């Protein structure tokens, strides 16, 4: 019981929201493992990884003819030219080209933490069906984090991807992520 309580003391929440997104393939850093100051409040652990304990999300589009998607996952590998992201389908949002302007999922809490540790460029304890290799993310680029800072992504950082596949409007995405770093 004490071990579980100690872990709960480390659980923090990051509210990730971006508005007026208008282009395709938008990437953001939702959880920056290197940042343990007031922006994130998680303990920094060298070579630590995210342990996800709960999530919720919403995607709102401005035009009914638009098609938007949003997913999140962790950087599995990164170098000077590209990164590989392993996306978690539990956080996928999809706003289709209908008159529905909102896609959301309610708070999901997990009976045990979702261990997103990475070993040899794959999740050590989770299997995902969607990975992406992209040159839009590499060690020479910076992305906006949850509070608007420019950060260079690294292995283990949680990435949010918001993508417009059709239409001319804008979108807003919001995720609440409850996690600790270990």
N, C-alpha and C. Protein backbone atom coordinates (compact mmCIF):
# COMPACT_ATOMS: atom_id res chain seq x y z
N UNK A 1 0.82 -1.20 0.00
CA UNK A 1 0.00 0.00 0.00
C UNK A 1 0.86 1.26 0.00
N UNK A 2 1.93 1.30 0.75
CA UNK A 2 2.77 2.50 0.80
C UNK A 2 3.43 2.79 -0.54
N UNK A 3 3.84 1.75 -1.26
CA UNK A 3 4.46 1.98 -2.56
C UNK A 3 3.46 2.65 -3.49
N UNK A 4 2.23 2.15 -3.51
CA UNK A 4 1.20 2.74 -4.35
C UNK A 4 0.95 4.21 -3.97
N UNK A 5 0.90 4.51 -2.69
CA UNK A 5 0.70 5.89 -2.25
C UNK A 5 1.85 6.77 -2.67
N UNK A 6 3.08 6.27 -2.60
CA UNK A 6 4.22 7.06 -3.02
C UNK A 6 4.12 7.42 -4.50
N UNK A 7 3.68 6.46 -5.32
CA UNK A 7 3.52 6.74 -6.74
C UNK A 7 2.43 7.76 -6.97
N UNK A 8 1.34 7.67 -6.24
CA UNK A 8 0.25 8.63 -6.42
C UNK A 8 0.69 10.04 -6.08
N UNK A 9 1.60 10.20 -5.17
CA UNK A 9 2.08 11.53 -4.83
C UNK A 9 2.80 12.19 -5.99
N UNK A 10 3.33 11.38 -6.91
CA UNK A 10 4.06 11.91 -8.04
C UNK A 10 3.18 12.17 -9.25
N UNK A 11 1.91 11.75 -9.22
CA UNK A 11 1.04 11.92 -10.38
C UNK A 11 0.76 13.40 -10.60
N UNK A 12 0.96 13.84 -11.84
CA UNK A 12 0.67 15.22 -12.21
C UNK A 12 -0.23 15.22 -13.43
N UNK A 13 -0.81 16.34 -13.70
CA UNK A 13 -1.68 16.48 -14.86
C UNK A 13 -1.13 17.59 -15.74
N UNK A 14 -1.12 17.35 -17.02
CA UNK A 14 -0.78 18.41 -17.96
C UNK A 14 -2.02 18.65 -18.83
N UNK A 15 -2.40 19.90 -18.91
CA UNK A 15 -3.52 20.29 -19.77
C UNK A 15 -2.92 20.79 -21.07
N UNK A 16 -3.08 20.05 -22.12
CA UNK A 16 -2.52 20.41 -23.41
C UNK A 16 -3.63 20.93 -24.30
N UNK A 17 -3.53 22.19 -24.74
CA UNK A 17 -4.54 22.75 -25.63
C UNK A 17 -3.88 23.64 -26.66
N UNK A 18 -4.25 23.46 -27.91
CA UNK A 18 -3.81 24.33 -28.99
C UNK A 18 -5.05 24.74 -29.78
N UNK A 19 -5.12 26.02 -30.11
CA UNK A 19 -6.27 26.56 -30.85
C UNK A 19 -5.81 27.12 -32.19
N UNK A 20 -6.75 27.30 -33.07
CA UNK A 20 -6.52 27.89 -34.39
C UNK A 20 -5.46 27.14 -35.20
N UNK A 21 -5.46 25.84 -35.10
CA UNK A 21 -4.58 25.01 -35.91
C UNK A 21 -5.16 24.98 -37.32
N UNK A 22 -4.33 25.22 -38.33
CA UNK A 22 -4.89 25.33 -39.67
C UNK A 22 -4.21 24.46 -40.72
N UNK A 23 -3.02 23.96 -40.47
CA UNK A 23 -2.28 23.22 -41.49
C UNK A 23 -2.35 21.72 -41.26
N UNK A 24 -1.79 20.96 -42.20
CA UNK A 24 -1.68 19.52 -42.02
C UNK A 24 -0.43 19.21 -41.20
N UNK A 25 -0.44 18.03 -40.57
CA UNK A 25 0.72 17.53 -39.83
C UNK A 25 1.30 18.54 -38.85
N UNK A 26 0.54 18.84 -37.82
CA UNK A 26 0.99 19.72 -36.74
C UNK A 26 1.47 18.85 -35.59
N UNK A 27 2.67 19.10 -35.11
CA UNK A 27 3.23 18.32 -34.02
C UNK A 27 3.51 19.23 -32.83
N UNK A 28 3.25 18.71 -31.64
CA UNK A 28 3.49 19.44 -30.40
C UNK A 28 4.05 18.47 -29.36
N UNK A 29 4.76 19.01 -28.37
CA UNK A 29 5.25 18.19 -27.26
C UNK A 29 4.27 18.36 -26.11
N UNK A 30 3.54 17.31 -25.78
CA UNK A 30 2.58 17.38 -24.68
C UNK A 30 3.27 17.18 -23.34
N UNK A 31 4.24 16.25 -23.27
CA UNK A 31 5.01 16.02 -22.04
C UNK A 31 6.49 16.01 -22.42
N UNK A 32 7.22 16.96 -21.88
CA UNK A 32 8.66 17.07 -22.09
C UNK A 32 9.35 16.46 -20.87
N UNK A 33 9.95 15.31 -21.04
CA UNK A 33 10.56 14.61 -19.90
C UNK A 33 11.68 15.41 -19.25
N UNK A 34 12.38 16.24 -20.02
CA UNK A 34 13.49 17.03 -19.47
C UNK A 34 13.01 18.18 -18.61
N UNK A 35 11.75 18.56 -18.73
CA UNK A 35 11.25 19.73 -18.03
C UNK A 35 10.56 19.28 -16.75
N UNK A 36 11.15 19.62 -15.62
CA UNK A 36 10.55 19.25 -14.33
C UNK A 36 10.27 20.48 -13.48
N UNK A 37 10.26 21.65 -14.11
CA UNK A 37 9.99 22.88 -13.34
C UNK A 37 8.49 23.10 -13.20
N UNK A 38 8.10 24.29 -12.93
CA UNK A 38 6.68 24.59 -12.67
C UNK A 38 5.77 24.31 -13.85
N UNK A 39 6.31 24.23 -15.07
CA UNK A 39 5.46 23.96 -16.23
C UNK A 39 4.87 22.55 -16.18
N UNK A 40 5.61 21.59 -15.65
CA UNK A 40 5.16 20.20 -15.65
C UNK A 40 5.02 19.59 -14.26
N UNK A 41 5.91 19.94 -13.36
CA UNK A 41 5.89 19.50 -11.97
C UNK A 41 6.12 18.00 -11.78
N UNK A 42 6.64 17.32 -12.78
CA UNK A 42 7.00 15.92 -12.55
C UNK A 42 8.44 15.84 -12.09
N UNK A 43 8.74 14.76 -11.41
CA UNK A 43 10.12 14.53 -11.01
C UNK A 43 10.92 14.17 -12.25
N UNK A 44 12.11 14.74 -12.35
CA UNK A 44 12.98 14.38 -13.46
C UNK A 44 13.77 13.14 -13.07
N UNK A 45 13.72 12.13 -13.90
CA UNK A 45 14.49 10.92 -13.69
C UNK A 45 15.30 10.68 -14.95
N UNK A 46 16.62 10.69 -14.81
CA UNK A 46 17.45 10.44 -15.99
C UNK A 46 17.07 9.09 -16.58
N UNK A 47 16.87 9.05 -17.88
CA UNK A 47 16.41 7.86 -18.59
C UNK A 47 15.05 7.38 -18.11
N UNK A 48 14.23 8.28 -17.55
CA UNK A 48 12.89 7.94 -17.11
C UNK A 48 11.90 8.00 -18.26
N UNK A 49 10.72 7.42 -18.02
CA UNK A 49 9.69 7.40 -19.04
C UNK A 49 8.33 7.69 -18.42
N UNK A 50 7.39 8.05 -19.26
CA UNK A 50 6.03 8.38 -18.83
C UNK A 50 5.31 7.12 -18.40
N UNK A 51 4.62 7.21 -17.28
CA UNK A 51 3.69 6.19 -16.82
C UNK A 51 2.33 6.87 -16.82
N UNK A 52 1.50 6.56 -17.79
CA UNK A 52 0.21 7.22 -17.99
C UNK A 52 -0.85 6.55 -17.12
N UNK A 53 -1.61 7.34 -16.36
CA UNK A 53 -2.64 6.77 -15.48
C UNK A 53 -4.05 7.22 -15.87
N UNK A 54 -4.19 8.22 -16.74
CA UNK A 54 -5.51 8.66 -17.18
C UNK A 54 -5.41 9.68 -18.29
N UNK A 55 -6.44 9.74 -19.12
CA UNK A 55 -6.48 10.71 -20.23
C UNK A 55 -7.91 11.14 -20.50
N UNK A 56 -8.05 12.27 -21.15
CA UNK A 56 -9.32 12.69 -21.76
C UNK A 56 -8.96 13.60 -22.92
N UNK A 57 -9.89 13.79 -23.84
CA UNK A 57 -9.57 14.62 -25.00
C UNK A 57 -10.79 15.13 -25.72
N UNK A 58 -10.56 16.21 -26.48
CA UNK A 58 -11.61 16.80 -27.30
C UNK A 58 -10.97 17.45 -28.52
N UNK A 59 -11.62 17.33 -29.67
CA UNK A 59 -11.19 17.95 -30.92
C UNK A 59 -12.38 18.69 -31.49
N UNK A 60 -12.22 19.97 -31.75
CA UNK A 60 -13.31 20.81 -32.27
C UNK A 60 -12.85 21.41 -33.59
N UNK A 61 -13.68 21.31 -34.62
CA UNK A 61 -13.35 21.90 -35.92
C UNK A 61 -14.29 23.05 -36.22
N UNK A 62 -13.85 23.96 -37.09
CA UNK A 62 -14.64 25.16 -37.36
C UNK A 62 -15.60 25.02 -38.54
N UNK A 63 -15.40 24.05 -39.41
CA UNK A 63 -16.26 23.88 -40.59
C UNK A 63 -16.70 22.42 -40.70
N UNK A 64 -17.98 22.22 -41.07
CA UNK A 64 -18.48 20.85 -41.10
C UNK A 64 -17.90 20.03 -42.24
N UNK A 65 -17.34 20.64 -43.27
CA UNK A 65 -16.76 19.88 -44.38
C UNK A 65 -15.32 19.45 -44.10
N UNK A 66 -14.74 19.92 -43.02
CA UNK A 66 -13.36 19.57 -42.68
C UNK A 66 -13.25 18.15 -42.14
N UNK A 67 -12.09 17.55 -42.32
CA UNK A 67 -11.76 16.27 -41.69
C UNK A 67 -10.46 16.47 -40.90
N UNK A 68 -10.53 16.20 -39.61
CA UNK A 68 -9.38 16.35 -38.71
C UNK A 68 -9.16 15.08 -37.92
N UNK A 69 -7.91 14.80 -37.60
CA UNK A 69 -7.58 13.72 -36.68
C UNK A 69 -6.55 14.22 -35.67
N UNK A 70 -6.52 13.58 -34.53
CA UNK A 70 -5.51 13.89 -33.53
C UNK A 70 -5.15 12.61 -32.78
N UNK A 71 -3.87 12.38 -32.61
CA UNK A 71 -3.37 11.22 -31.87
C UNK A 71 -2.20 11.67 -31.00
N UNK A 72 -1.87 10.85 -30.00
CA UNK A 72 -0.66 11.14 -29.23
C UNK A 72 0.11 9.85 -28.98
N UNK A 73 1.39 10.03 -28.75
CA UNK A 73 2.27 8.90 -28.48
C UNK A 73 3.65 9.43 -28.13
N UNK A 74 4.60 8.54 -27.99
CA UNK A 74 5.95 8.93 -27.56
C UNK A 74 6.95 8.82 -28.70
N UNK A 75 8.00 9.62 -28.59
CA UNK A 75 9.14 9.52 -29.51
C UNK A 75 9.87 8.23 -29.17
N UNK A 76 9.94 7.33 -30.14
CA UNK A 76 10.64 6.06 -29.95
C UNK A 76 12.11 6.15 -30.33
N UNK A 77 12.41 6.97 -31.33
CA UNK A 77 13.80 7.22 -31.73
C UNK A 77 13.84 8.57 -32.43
N UNK A 78 15.00 9.20 -32.40
CA UNK A 78 15.16 10.50 -33.04
C UNK A 78 16.63 10.68 -33.39
N UNK A 79 16.86 11.31 -34.54
CA UNK A 79 18.22 11.66 -34.94
C UNK A 79 18.19 13.00 -35.67
N UNK A 80 19.25 13.33 -36.36
CA UNK A 80 19.36 14.65 -36.99
C UNK A 80 18.43 14.83 -38.19
N UNK A 81 17.85 13.74 -38.70
CA UNK A 81 17.00 13.86 -39.89
C UNK A 81 15.55 13.44 -39.70
N UNK A 82 15.27 12.58 -38.69
CA UNK A 82 13.90 12.10 -38.54
C UNK A 82 13.66 11.54 -37.15
N UNK A 83 12.37 11.31 -36.88
CA UNK A 83 11.97 10.68 -35.62
C UNK A 83 10.92 9.62 -35.91
N UNK A 84 10.86 8.63 -35.03
CA UNK A 84 9.81 7.62 -35.09
C UNK A 84 8.92 7.83 -33.87
N UNK A 85 7.61 7.95 -34.13
CA UNK A 85 6.62 8.16 -33.08
C UNK A 85 5.74 6.92 -33.01
N UNK A 86 5.50 6.41 -31.81
CA UNK A 86 4.58 5.29 -31.60
C UNK A 86 3.29 5.84 -31.01
N UNK A 87 2.21 5.87 -31.80
CA UNK A 87 0.95 6.48 -31.37
C UNK A 87 0.08 5.50 -30.61
N UNK A 88 -0.59 6.00 -29.58
CA UNK A 88 -1.49 5.20 -28.76
C UNK A 88 -2.91 5.43 -29.25
N UNK A 89 -3.60 4.40 -29.68
CA UNK A 89 -4.94 4.56 -30.23
C UNK A 89 -5.96 4.96 -29.18
N UNK A 90 -5.67 4.78 -27.91
CA UNK A 90 -6.63 5.15 -26.87
C UNK A 90 -6.90 6.65 -26.87
N UNK A 91 -6.04 7.45 -27.44
CA UNK A 91 -6.24 8.89 -27.45
C UNK A 91 -6.61 9.46 -28.80
N UNK A 92 -7.00 8.60 -29.76
CA UNK A 92 -7.29 9.07 -31.11
C UNK A 92 -8.62 9.83 -31.15
N UNK A 93 -8.60 10.97 -31.81
CA UNK A 93 -9.80 11.78 -32.03
C UNK A 93 -10.00 11.94 -33.53
N UNK A 94 -11.26 11.91 -33.98
CA UNK A 94 -11.55 11.98 -35.41
C UNK A 94 -12.81 12.81 -35.62
N UNK A 95 -12.66 13.93 -36.30
CA UNK A 95 -13.80 14.79 -36.65
C UNK A 95 -14.03 14.65 -38.15
N UNK A 96 -15.09 13.94 -38.52
CA UNK A 96 -15.38 13.61 -39.92
C UNK A 96 -16.03 14.79 -40.65
N UNK A 97 -16.22 14.60 -41.96
CA UNK A 97 -16.82 15.66 -42.79
C UNK A 97 -18.34 15.57 -42.74
N UNK A 98 -18.88 15.69 -41.56
CA UNK A 98 -20.32 15.73 -41.35
C UNK A 98 -20.63 17.03 -40.62
N UNK A 99 -21.83 17.18 -40.17
CA UNK A 99 -22.16 18.41 -39.44
C UNK A 99 -21.73 18.34 -37.98
N UNK A 100 -21.09 17.23 -37.57
CA UNK A 100 -20.60 17.13 -36.21
C UNK A 100 -19.29 17.91 -36.09
N UNK A 101 -19.24 18.86 -35.18
CA UNK A 101 -18.08 19.71 -35.03
C UNK A 101 -17.13 19.23 -33.93
N UNK A 102 -17.54 18.26 -33.13
CA UNK A 102 -16.75 17.87 -31.97
C UNK A 102 -16.59 16.35 -31.93
N UNK A 103 -15.38 15.91 -31.62
CA UNK A 103 -15.15 14.53 -31.24
C UNK A 103 -14.48 14.58 -29.87
N UNK A 104 -14.93 13.75 -28.96
CA UNK A 104 -14.37 13.76 -27.62
C UNK A 104 -14.40 12.37 -27.03
N UNK A 105 -13.53 12.16 -26.07
CA UNK A 105 -13.65 10.96 -25.26
C UNK A 105 -13.54 11.39 -23.81
N UNK A 106 -14.29 10.73 -22.99
CA UNK A 106 -14.37 11.09 -21.57
C UNK A 106 -13.13 10.60 -20.85
N UNK A 107 -13.01 11.03 -19.63
CA UNK A 107 -11.89 10.63 -18.80
C UNK A 107 -11.77 9.11 -18.76
N UNK A 108 -10.59 8.63 -19.11
CA UNK A 108 -10.28 7.21 -19.00
C UNK A 108 -9.20 7.08 -17.93
N UNK A 109 -9.47 6.31 -16.92
CA UNK A 109 -8.41 6.00 -15.96
C UNK A 109 -8.12 4.51 -16.08
N UNK A 110 -6.91 4.16 -15.80
CA UNK A 110 -6.47 2.79 -16.00
C UNK A 110 -6.29 2.11 -14.65
N UNK A 111 -6.62 0.83 -14.55
CA UNK A 111 -6.45 0.13 -13.27
C UNK A 111 -4.99 0.03 -12.86
N UNK A 112 -4.09 0.04 -13.83
CA UNK A 112 -2.66 0.12 -13.58
C UNK A 112 -2.11 1.16 -14.55
N UNK A 113 -0.95 1.70 -14.25
CA UNK A 113 -0.40 2.69 -15.16
C UNK A 113 -0.01 2.07 -16.49
N UNK A 114 -0.11 2.87 -17.53
CA UNK A 114 0.32 2.45 -18.86
C UNK A 114 1.80 2.80 -18.97
N UNK A 115 2.64 1.81 -18.92
CA UNK A 115 4.09 1.98 -18.88
C UNK A 115 4.60 2.25 -20.29
N UNK A 116 5.05 3.48 -20.54
CA UNK A 116 5.51 3.87 -21.87
C UNK A 116 7.03 3.90 -21.95
N UNK A 117 7.69 3.00 -21.21
CA UNK A 117 9.15 2.91 -21.29
C UNK A 117 9.54 2.37 -22.67
N UNK A 118 10.71 2.79 -23.11
CA UNK A 118 11.18 2.48 -24.46
C UNK A 118 12.52 1.76 -24.37
N UNK A 119 12.65 0.68 -25.12
CA UNK A 119 13.87 -0.09 -25.17
C UNK A 119 14.14 -0.45 -26.63
N UNK A 120 15.31 -0.13 -27.12
CA UNK A 120 15.70 -0.44 -28.50
C UNK A 120 14.68 0.08 -29.51
N UNK A 121 14.24 1.33 -29.33
CA UNK A 121 13.39 2.04 -30.29
C UNK A 121 11.96 1.51 -30.40
N UNK A 122 11.49 0.77 -29.39
CA UNK A 122 10.10 0.33 -29.33
C UNK A 122 9.64 0.44 -27.88
N UNK A 123 8.31 0.48 -27.70
CA UNK A 123 7.79 0.42 -26.35
C UNK A 123 8.18 -0.91 -25.74
N UNK A 124 8.65 -0.88 -24.51
CA UNK A 124 9.07 -2.10 -23.84
C UNK A 124 7.89 -2.94 -23.37
N UNK A 125 6.76 -2.29 -22.98
CA UNK A 125 5.66 -3.02 -22.38
C UNK A 125 4.31 -2.79 -23.04
N UNK A 126 4.29 -2.06 -24.15
CA UNK A 126 3.05 -1.75 -24.85
C UNK A 126 3.26 -2.06 -26.33
N UNK A 127 2.24 -2.62 -26.97
CA UNK A 127 2.29 -2.86 -28.40
C UNK A 127 1.36 -1.87 -29.08
N UNK A 128 1.85 -1.19 -30.12
CA UNK A 128 1.02 -0.25 -30.87
C UNK A 128 1.00 -0.65 -32.33
N UNK A 129 -0.08 -0.30 -32.99
CA UNK A 129 -0.21 -0.65 -34.41
C UNK A 129 0.10 0.52 -35.32
N UNK A 130 0.27 1.72 -34.75
CA UNK A 130 0.51 2.88 -35.59
C UNK A 130 1.81 3.57 -35.17
N UNK A 131 2.80 3.49 -36.05
CA UNK A 131 4.03 4.26 -35.87
C UNK A 131 4.22 5.13 -37.10
N UNK A 132 4.97 6.18 -36.92
CA UNK A 132 5.23 7.10 -38.03
C UNK A 132 6.68 7.50 -37.97
N UNK A 133 7.33 7.45 -39.13
CA UNK A 133 8.67 8.01 -39.27
C UNK A 133 8.49 9.33 -40.01
N UNK A 134 8.93 10.43 -39.40
CA UNK A 134 8.72 11.74 -39.99
C UNK A 134 9.98 12.60 -39.91
N UNK A 135 10.24 13.30 -40.99
CA UNK A 135 11.36 14.26 -40.99
C UNK A 135 10.92 15.61 -40.41
N UNK A 136 9.63 15.76 -40.11
CA UNK A 136 9.14 16.99 -39.47
C UNK A 136 9.63 17.13 -38.03
N UNK A 137 10.06 16.01 -37.44
CA UNK A 137 10.60 16.02 -36.08
C UNK A 137 12.00 15.43 -36.15
N UNK A 138 12.97 16.15 -35.64
CA UNK A 138 14.35 15.66 -35.56
C UNK A 138 15.09 16.46 -34.50
N UNK A 139 16.34 16.14 -34.27
CA UNK A 139 17.09 16.81 -33.21
C UNK A 139 17.50 18.25 -33.56
N UNK A 140 17.19 18.67 -34.78
CA UNK A 140 17.48 20.05 -35.20
C UNK A 140 16.25 20.95 -35.17
N UNK A 141 15.08 20.38 -34.87
CA UNK A 141 13.85 21.17 -34.86
C UNK A 141 13.35 21.37 -33.44
N UNK A 142 12.57 22.42 -33.28
CA UNK A 142 11.89 22.63 -32.01
C UNK A 142 10.39 22.58 -32.26
N UNK A 143 9.66 22.15 -31.23
CA UNK A 143 8.21 22.11 -31.27
C UNK A 143 7.69 22.88 -30.07
N UNK A 144 6.48 23.38 -30.16
CA UNK A 144 5.84 24.03 -29.01
C UNK A 144 5.44 22.98 -28.00
N UNK A 145 5.67 23.28 -26.72
CA UNK A 145 5.21 22.36 -25.68
C UNK A 145 3.87 22.83 -25.15
N UNK A 146 3.40 22.20 -24.08
CA UNK A 146 2.06 22.46 -23.56
C UNK A 146 1.87 23.89 -23.09
N UNK A 147 2.94 24.57 -22.74
CA UNK A 147 2.82 25.96 -22.27
C UNK A 147 3.36 26.96 -23.27
N UNK A 148 3.70 26.51 -24.48
CA UNK A 148 4.12 27.42 -25.54
C UNK A 148 5.61 27.62 -25.70
N UNK A 149 6.42 26.92 -24.92
CA UNK A 149 7.87 27.02 -25.07
C UNK A 149 8.33 26.22 -26.28
N UNK A 150 9.42 26.66 -26.89
CA UNK A 150 10.05 25.89 -27.96
C UNK A 150 10.99 24.88 -27.33
N UNK A 151 10.78 23.59 -27.61
CA UNK A 151 11.63 22.54 -27.05
C UNK A 151 12.05 21.59 -28.16
N UNK A 152 13.21 20.99 -27.97
CA UNK A 152 13.68 19.96 -28.89
C UNK A 152 13.21 18.61 -28.38
N UNK A 153 12.43 17.87 -29.17
CA UNK A 153 11.93 16.58 -28.71
C UNK A 153 13.06 15.58 -28.52
N UNK A 154 12.81 14.63 -27.60
CA UNK A 154 13.78 13.57 -27.32
C UNK A 154 13.02 12.26 -27.10
N UNK A 155 13.75 11.16 -27.06
CA UNK A 155 13.15 9.86 -26.85
C UNK A 155 12.37 9.87 -25.53
N UNK A 156 11.13 9.38 -25.58
CA UNK A 156 10.26 9.32 -24.41
C UNK A 156 9.31 10.49 -24.27
N UNK A 157 9.59 11.62 -24.93
CA UNK A 157 8.67 12.76 -24.87
C UNK A 157 7.36 12.38 -25.53
N UNK A 158 6.24 12.87 -24.97
CA UNK A 158 4.93 12.59 -25.55
C UNK A 158 4.60 13.66 -26.59
N UNK A 159 4.26 13.21 -27.78
CA UNK A 159 3.96 14.07 -28.93
C UNK A 159 2.46 14.01 -29.21
N UNK A 160 1.88 15.16 -29.52
CA UNK A 160 0.51 15.22 -30.04
C UNK A 160 0.60 15.62 -31.51
N UNK A 161 -0.08 14.86 -32.36
CA UNK A 161 -0.15 15.19 -33.78
C UNK A 161 -1.59 15.54 -34.10
N UNK A 162 -1.78 16.69 -34.73
CA UNK A 162 -3.10 17.13 -35.20
C UNK A 162 -2.98 17.30 -36.70
N UNK A 163 -3.88 16.67 -37.44
CA UNK A 163 -3.77 16.65 -38.89
C UNK A 163 -5.09 16.98 -39.56
N UNK A 164 -5.04 17.94 -40.48
CA UNK A 164 -6.21 18.24 -41.32
C UNK A 164 -6.02 17.50 -42.64
N UNK A 165 -6.98 16.63 -42.98
CA UNK A 165 -6.89 15.90 -44.23
C UNK A 165 -7.81 16.47 -45.31
N UNK A 166 -8.76 17.33 -44.92
CA UNK A 166 -9.63 17.97 -45.90
C UNK A 166 -10.25 19.21 -45.28
N UNK A 167 -10.49 20.21 -46.13
CA UNK A 167 -11.19 21.40 -45.69
C UNK A 167 -10.29 22.62 -45.57
N UNK A 168 -10.92 23.73 -45.15
CA UNK A 168 -10.19 25.00 -45.08
C UNK A 168 -10.34 25.68 -43.73
N UNK A 169 -10.92 25.01 -42.76
CA UNK A 169 -11.15 25.63 -41.45
C UNK A 169 -9.98 25.42 -40.51
N UNK A 170 -10.23 25.72 -39.25
CA UNK A 170 -9.23 25.56 -38.19
C UNK A 170 -9.79 24.59 -37.14
N UNK A 171 -8.91 24.17 -36.24
CA UNK A 171 -9.33 23.24 -35.20
C UNK A 171 -8.71 23.61 -33.86
N UNK A 172 -9.32 23.11 -32.81
CA UNK A 172 -8.80 23.20 -31.45
C UNK A 172 -8.72 21.80 -30.89
N UNK A 173 -7.62 21.47 -30.25
CA UNK A 173 -7.47 20.16 -29.61
C UNK A 173 -7.11 20.39 -28.15
N UNK A 174 -7.66 19.54 -27.29
CA UNK A 174 -7.38 19.61 -25.86
C UNK A 174 -7.24 18.19 -25.33
N UNK A 175 -6.14 17.93 -24.67
CA UNK A 175 -5.93 16.66 -23.97
C UNK A 175 -5.61 16.95 -22.52
N UNK A 176 -6.14 16.16 -21.62
CA UNK A 176 -5.72 16.13 -20.23
C UNK A 176 -5.01 14.80 -20.04
N UNK A 177 -3.78 14.86 -19.57
CA UNK A 177 -2.96 13.66 -19.40
C UNK A 177 -2.51 13.59 -17.95
N UNK A 178 -2.84 12.49 -17.26
CA UNK A 178 -2.39 12.27 -15.89
C UNK A 178 -1.29 11.23 -15.93
N UNK A 179 -0.16 11.56 -15.35
CA UNK A 179 1.00 10.71 -15.49
C UNK A 179 1.99 10.95 -14.36
N UNK A 180 2.97 10.09 -14.27
CA UNK A 180 4.17 10.35 -13.50
C UNK A 180 5.36 9.84 -14.30
N UNK A 181 6.53 10.23 -13.92
CA UNK A 181 7.75 9.81 -14.61
C UNK A 181 8.55 8.91 -13.69
N UNK A 182 8.97 7.78 -14.23
CA UNK A 182 9.77 6.86 -13.43
C UNK A 182 10.83 6.23 -14.31
